Protein backbone atom coordinates (compact mmCIF):
# COMPACT_ATOMS: atom_id res chain seq x y z
CA MET A 1 85.18 87.38 122.76
CA THR A 2 84.50 85.28 119.66
CA GLU A 3 81.62 86.37 117.46
CA GLN A 4 79.04 84.14 115.83
CA ARG A 5 79.74 82.98 112.30
CA VAL A 6 80.21 85.92 109.92
CA SER A 7 78.32 85.52 106.65
CA LEU A 8 80.35 86.56 103.63
CA SER A 9 79.31 88.10 100.33
CA VAL A 10 81.78 88.51 97.45
CA VAL A 11 81.31 91.30 94.92
CA ILE A 12 83.02 91.23 91.50
CA PRO A 13 82.63 94.29 89.25
CA ALA A 14 83.14 93.18 85.64
CA ARG A 15 83.14 94.77 82.22
CA ASP A 16 84.04 92.70 79.15
CA GLU A 17 85.81 90.03 81.21
CA GLU A 18 84.68 86.87 79.42
CA ARG A 19 88.27 85.61 79.04
CA ILE A 20 89.11 85.60 82.74
CA LEU A 21 85.87 85.51 84.76
CA GLU A 22 85.46 81.72 84.52
CA ALA A 23 88.70 81.04 86.43
CA CYS A 24 87.80 83.64 89.06
CA LEU A 25 84.40 82.06 89.74
CA ARG A 26 85.79 78.53 89.69
CA ALA A 27 88.27 79.43 92.42
CA LEU A 28 85.48 80.89 94.55
CA SER A 29 83.52 77.64 94.20
CA LEU A 30 86.47 75.66 95.61
CA GLN A 31 86.70 77.43 98.97
CA SER A 32 87.31 75.16 101.96
CA ASP A 33 84.90 77.41 103.89
CA PRO A 34 82.30 78.34 101.24
CA VAL A 35 81.17 81.92 100.75
CA ASP A 36 77.50 82.69 101.31
CA GLU A 37 76.90 84.89 98.28
CA ILE A 38 78.66 85.77 95.01
CA ILE A 39 77.56 88.88 93.13
CA VAL A 40 78.88 89.73 89.67
CA VAL A 41 78.05 93.28 88.63
CA ASP A 42 77.97 93.49 84.83
CA ASN A 43 79.08 97.03 84.09
CA GLY A 44 77.81 97.36 80.52
CA SER A 45 79.69 94.45 78.96
CA SER A 46 79.47 93.85 75.22
CA ASP A 47 80.74 90.27 75.47
CA ARG A 48 79.60 87.09 77.31
CA THR A 49 80.58 88.27 80.81
CA ALA A 50 77.01 88.08 82.17
CA ASP A 51 76.31 84.72 80.49
CA ILE A 52 79.44 83.18 82.01
CA ALA A 53 78.47 84.46 85.44
CA ARG A 54 74.94 83.08 85.12
CA SER A 55 76.30 79.66 84.14
CA HIS A 56 77.64 79.24 87.69
CA ALA A 57 75.00 77.99 90.11
CA GLY A 58 74.16 80.43 92.86
CA VAL A 59 75.91 83.44 91.32
CA VAL A 60 73.80 86.60 91.40
CA VAL A 61 74.22 88.80 88.32
CA LEU A 62 73.35 92.48 88.60
CA THR A 63 73.41 95.01 85.78
CA GLU A 64 74.87 98.48 86.28
CA PRO A 65 74.69 100.35 82.95
CA ARG A 66 76.50 103.47 84.16
CA PRO A 67 80.16 102.96 83.16
CA GLY A 68 82.66 103.15 85.99
CA ILE A 69 84.01 100.95 88.74
CA THR A 70 82.51 103.09 91.51
CA TYR A 71 78.99 102.63 90.16
CA ALA A 72 79.50 98.87 89.82
CA ARG A 73 81.07 98.60 93.27
CA ASN A 74 78.26 100.52 94.97
CA THR A 75 75.59 98.47 93.20
CA GLY A 76 77.21 95.26 94.40
CA PHE A 77 77.95 96.43 97.92
CA ASP A 78 74.45 97.82 98.41
CA ALA A 79 72.88 94.54 97.25
CA ALA A 80 75.14 92.26 99.31
CA THR A 81 73.42 90.51 102.22
CA GLY A 82 76.48 89.24 104.13
CA ASP A 83 77.77 90.50 107.45
CA ALA A 84 81.05 91.09 105.60
CA ILE A 85 81.47 92.16 101.99
CA ALA A 86 84.56 91.08 100.09
CA ARG A 87 85.59 92.71 96.82
CA ILE A 88 87.80 91.17 94.17
CA ASP A 89 88.48 91.87 90.50
CA ALA A 90 87.57 89.55 87.65
CA ASP A 91 91.22 88.57 87.28
CA THR A 92 91.61 87.67 90.96
CA ILE A 93 92.11 83.98 91.77
CA VAL A 94 91.45 83.32 95.44
CA THR A 95 93.30 80.49 97.19
CA PRO A 96 91.18 77.74 98.87
CA GLY A 97 91.54 79.18 102.38
CA TRP A 98 90.77 82.79 101.45
CA ALA A 99 87.15 83.00 102.68
CA GLY A 100 87.95 81.12 105.87
CA ALA A 101 90.78 83.56 106.65
CA ILE A 102 88.41 86.51 106.27
CA ARG A 103 85.81 84.94 108.53
CA ARG A 104 88.30 84.00 111.23
CA ALA A 105 89.75 87.51 111.33
CA PHE A 106 86.37 89.22 111.66
CA GLU A 107 85.04 86.67 114.15
CA ALA A 108 88.12 87.03 116.36
CA ASP A 109 88.14 90.83 116.45
CA ALA A 110 84.85 92.67 116.76
CA GLY A 111 86.60 96.04 116.36
CA LEU A 112 88.08 95.21 112.97
CA ALA A 113 86.34 97.14 110.18
CA ALA A 114 88.16 95.93 107.07
CA LEU A 115 90.84 93.55 105.83
CA THR A 116 93.33 93.09 103.06
CA GLY A 117 95.90 90.42 102.32
CA PRO A 118 98.82 89.38 100.12
CA ALA A 119 98.89 88.47 96.45
CA GLY A 120 101.03 86.56 93.99
CA PHE A 121 101.19 86.50 90.21
CA THR A 122 98.76 84.17 88.45
CA ARG A 123 100.89 83.44 85.38
CA LEU A 124 103.77 82.23 87.54
CA SER A 125 101.71 80.31 90.10
CA THR A 126 100.54 76.71 89.82
CA GLY A 127 98.28 74.82 92.20
CA ASP A 128 99.20 75.63 95.81
CA ARG A 129 102.48 77.27 94.72
CA VAL A 130 101.98 81.04 94.78
CA VAL A 131 104.87 82.93 93.18
CA GLY A 132 105.47 86.67 93.45
CA ARG A 133 104.35 87.32 97.01
CA THR A 134 107.63 88.97 97.98
CA ALA A 135 107.67 91.28 94.96
CA TYR A 136 104.03 92.18 95.53
CA GLY A 137 104.72 92.86 99.21
CA LEU A 138 107.60 95.19 98.38
CA VAL A 139 105.49 97.18 95.91
CA LYS A 140 102.63 97.37 98.42
CA ALA A 141 104.97 98.52 101.20
CA ALA A 142 106.53 101.18 98.96
CA HIS A 143 103.09 102.45 97.95
CA GLU A 144 101.98 102.71 101.58
CA VAL A 145 105.12 104.68 102.44
CA LEU A 146 104.52 107.06 99.54
CA ILE A 147 100.94 107.80 100.52
CA GLY A 148 101.67 107.72 104.26
CA ASN A 149 98.97 105.20 105.11
CA GLY A 150 98.58 101.48 105.55
CA PRO A 151 97.30 98.90 105.25
CA VAL A 152 95.78 99.97 101.92
CA LEU A 153 92.73 98.13 100.62
CA TYR A 154 93.17 97.15 96.99
CA GLY A 155 90.26 96.31 94.71
CA HIS A 156 91.65 92.87 93.88
CA ASN A 157 91.59 91.73 97.53
CA MET A 158 89.59 93.52 100.20
CA ALA A 159 86.80 92.87 102.70
CA LEU A 160 84.86 95.10 105.04
CA ARG A 161 81.98 94.76 107.43
CA ARG A 162 78.58 95.83 106.19
CA GLU A 163 78.30 98.55 108.85
CA ALA A 164 81.73 99.88 107.86
CA TRP A 165 80.51 100.29 104.29
CA GLU A 166 77.32 101.98 105.45
CA ALA A 167 79.40 104.44 107.49
CA ILE A 168 81.45 105.57 104.48
CA ARG A 169 79.04 105.14 101.58
CA ASP A 170 78.19 108.83 101.36
CA LEU A 171 81.83 109.83 101.88
CA VAL A 172 83.41 108.00 98.94
CA THR A 173 83.38 109.58 95.50
CA VAL A 174 81.17 108.07 92.80
CA GLY A 175 81.53 108.51 89.06
CA ASP A 176 84.72 110.56 89.18
CA HIS A 177 87.62 109.06 87.23
CA VAL A 178 90.22 111.28 88.91
CA ILE A 179 89.92 109.34 92.17
CA SER A 180 91.58 106.01 93.02
CA GLU A 181 88.43 104.25 94.13
CA ASP A 182 90.03 101.62 96.38
CA LEU A 183 92.32 104.18 98.01
CA ASP A 184 89.21 106.33 98.47
CA VAL A 185 87.61 103.50 100.47
CA THR A 186 90.80 103.11 102.54
CA PHE A 187 91.01 106.81 103.39
CA ALA A 188 87.28 107.03 104.10
CA LEU A 189 87.51 104.22 106.65
CA GLN A 190 90.50 105.87 108.32
CA HIS A 191 88.80 109.28 108.22
CA THR A 192 85.83 107.85 110.14
CA GLY A 193 88.10 106.20 112.75
CA GLN A 194 87.68 102.62 111.54
CA ARG A 195 90.49 100.08 111.73
CA ILE A 196 91.92 98.15 108.78
CA GLY A 197 93.80 94.89 109.32
CA TYR A 198 96.19 92.75 107.30
CA GLU A 199 95.53 88.99 107.12
CA PRO A 200 98.45 86.92 105.72
CA ASP A 201 96.18 83.96 104.90
CA MET A 202 93.85 86.11 102.79
CA LEU A 203 95.90 85.12 99.76
CA VAL A 204 95.07 85.63 96.07
CA THR A 205 96.85 85.73 92.75
CA ILE A 206 96.34 88.49 90.21
CA ALA A 207 97.09 89.20 86.54
CA VAL A 208 99.72 91.76 87.41
CA GLU A 209 100.48 92.39 83.73
CA ARG A 210 97.10 94.16 83.47
CA THR A 211 98.26 96.74 86.01
CA LEU A 212 102.00 97.19 85.57
CA ARG A 213 101.79 99.14 82.34
CA TYR A 214 103.24 102.61 81.91
CA ASP A 215 99.88 104.22 81.20
CA LYS A 216 98.24 102.53 84.18
CA ILE A 217 101.05 103.46 86.56
CA ALA A 218 100.95 107.08 85.41
CA GLN A 219 97.19 107.13 85.91
CA TYR A 220 97.46 105.63 89.41
CA ARG A 221 100.09 108.18 90.44
CA ARG A 222 97.80 111.01 89.40
CA THR A 223 94.61 109.62 90.94
CA ASN A 224 96.40 108.59 94.15
CA ARG A 225 97.64 112.16 94.59
CA LEU A 226 94.17 113.62 93.98
CA THR A 227 92.56 111.11 96.35
CA ALA A 228 95.04 112.00 99.10
CA GLU A 229 94.33 115.69 98.52
CA LYS A 230 90.61 115.04 98.93
CA TYR A 231 91.16 113.75 102.46
CA ARG A 232 93.72 116.41 103.37
CA ARG A 233 91.03 118.97 102.59
CA ARG A 234 88.52 117.05 104.69
CA ARG A 235 90.92 116.97 107.65
CA LEU A 236 91.47 120.70 107.37
CA GLU A 237 87.73 121.31 107.18
CA SER A 238 87.14 119.13 110.24
CA ALA A 239 89.81 120.99 112.20
CA ALA A 240 88.48 124.44 111.26
C-alpha cells in the first residue's frame, strides 16, 4: 500500500564550515522534489557558518553551544518537523533526485525505518557525472563486513522516520567522543528491531579527503570497536 506524501526535513550539523556550507545548501535548493525543511545546527562556530546559513531563504538556523556532533544532531533531529529526517554533513553535495528518492522509498514501504545510499567524490565529479561511486561502494562493503552489519547509516547520507528516531533517542550515546555516532544510530535501530534500507538513487558526493586521513581512520577504527562493544553488552544484558 502506498503512503501519503512523506514530508522531509534535512538536518546539517556544522562547526566552522563557512568554506563549504554554501555549496551544500545550494544543492539542496536545486532538488527536483523540494525538501520541506532545512535545519543547520551551528555547533559553536567561530566563523561565518551561521551567517551563510541564514542567507538562504527558508533555512532554519539553530544554535547548539555544547561542542560535539551528537549534541548538534540531537538538537536538529528533535526540532525537525518532517515525517522523515535526513542527515547530511556540511561537505555533502546532494544530487537533484536525492530528496525524491528518499520520499519514494519511504512512501512505498511502510515498514522501512531508515535509509542510506551511495556517494561519489566531489572533487572528481562535475555536473551529473558522479565519480568514485565504485571505490566508495567497496570501502562501504568492506566496513560492513568488518563490523558484521549492514547497511550502515553514515552521517553524510542518511534518513530515518521520525518515529524511528523517537524509538532510539534514549538509546544512543550523547557527548561521548569514544563512540562512532552514526554507527551508534545504525546499531540502535537494529537493536530495536527496525529495518534499514539501501536506496541507489539516494546519491551524494562528499569531500572524501576530509575523512581518509591516517588520524581519522585510526580514530574511526577505535570508536567503531567501542560502539560495537556497547551493543554486544546490551545484547548480553537482554539475554540474561
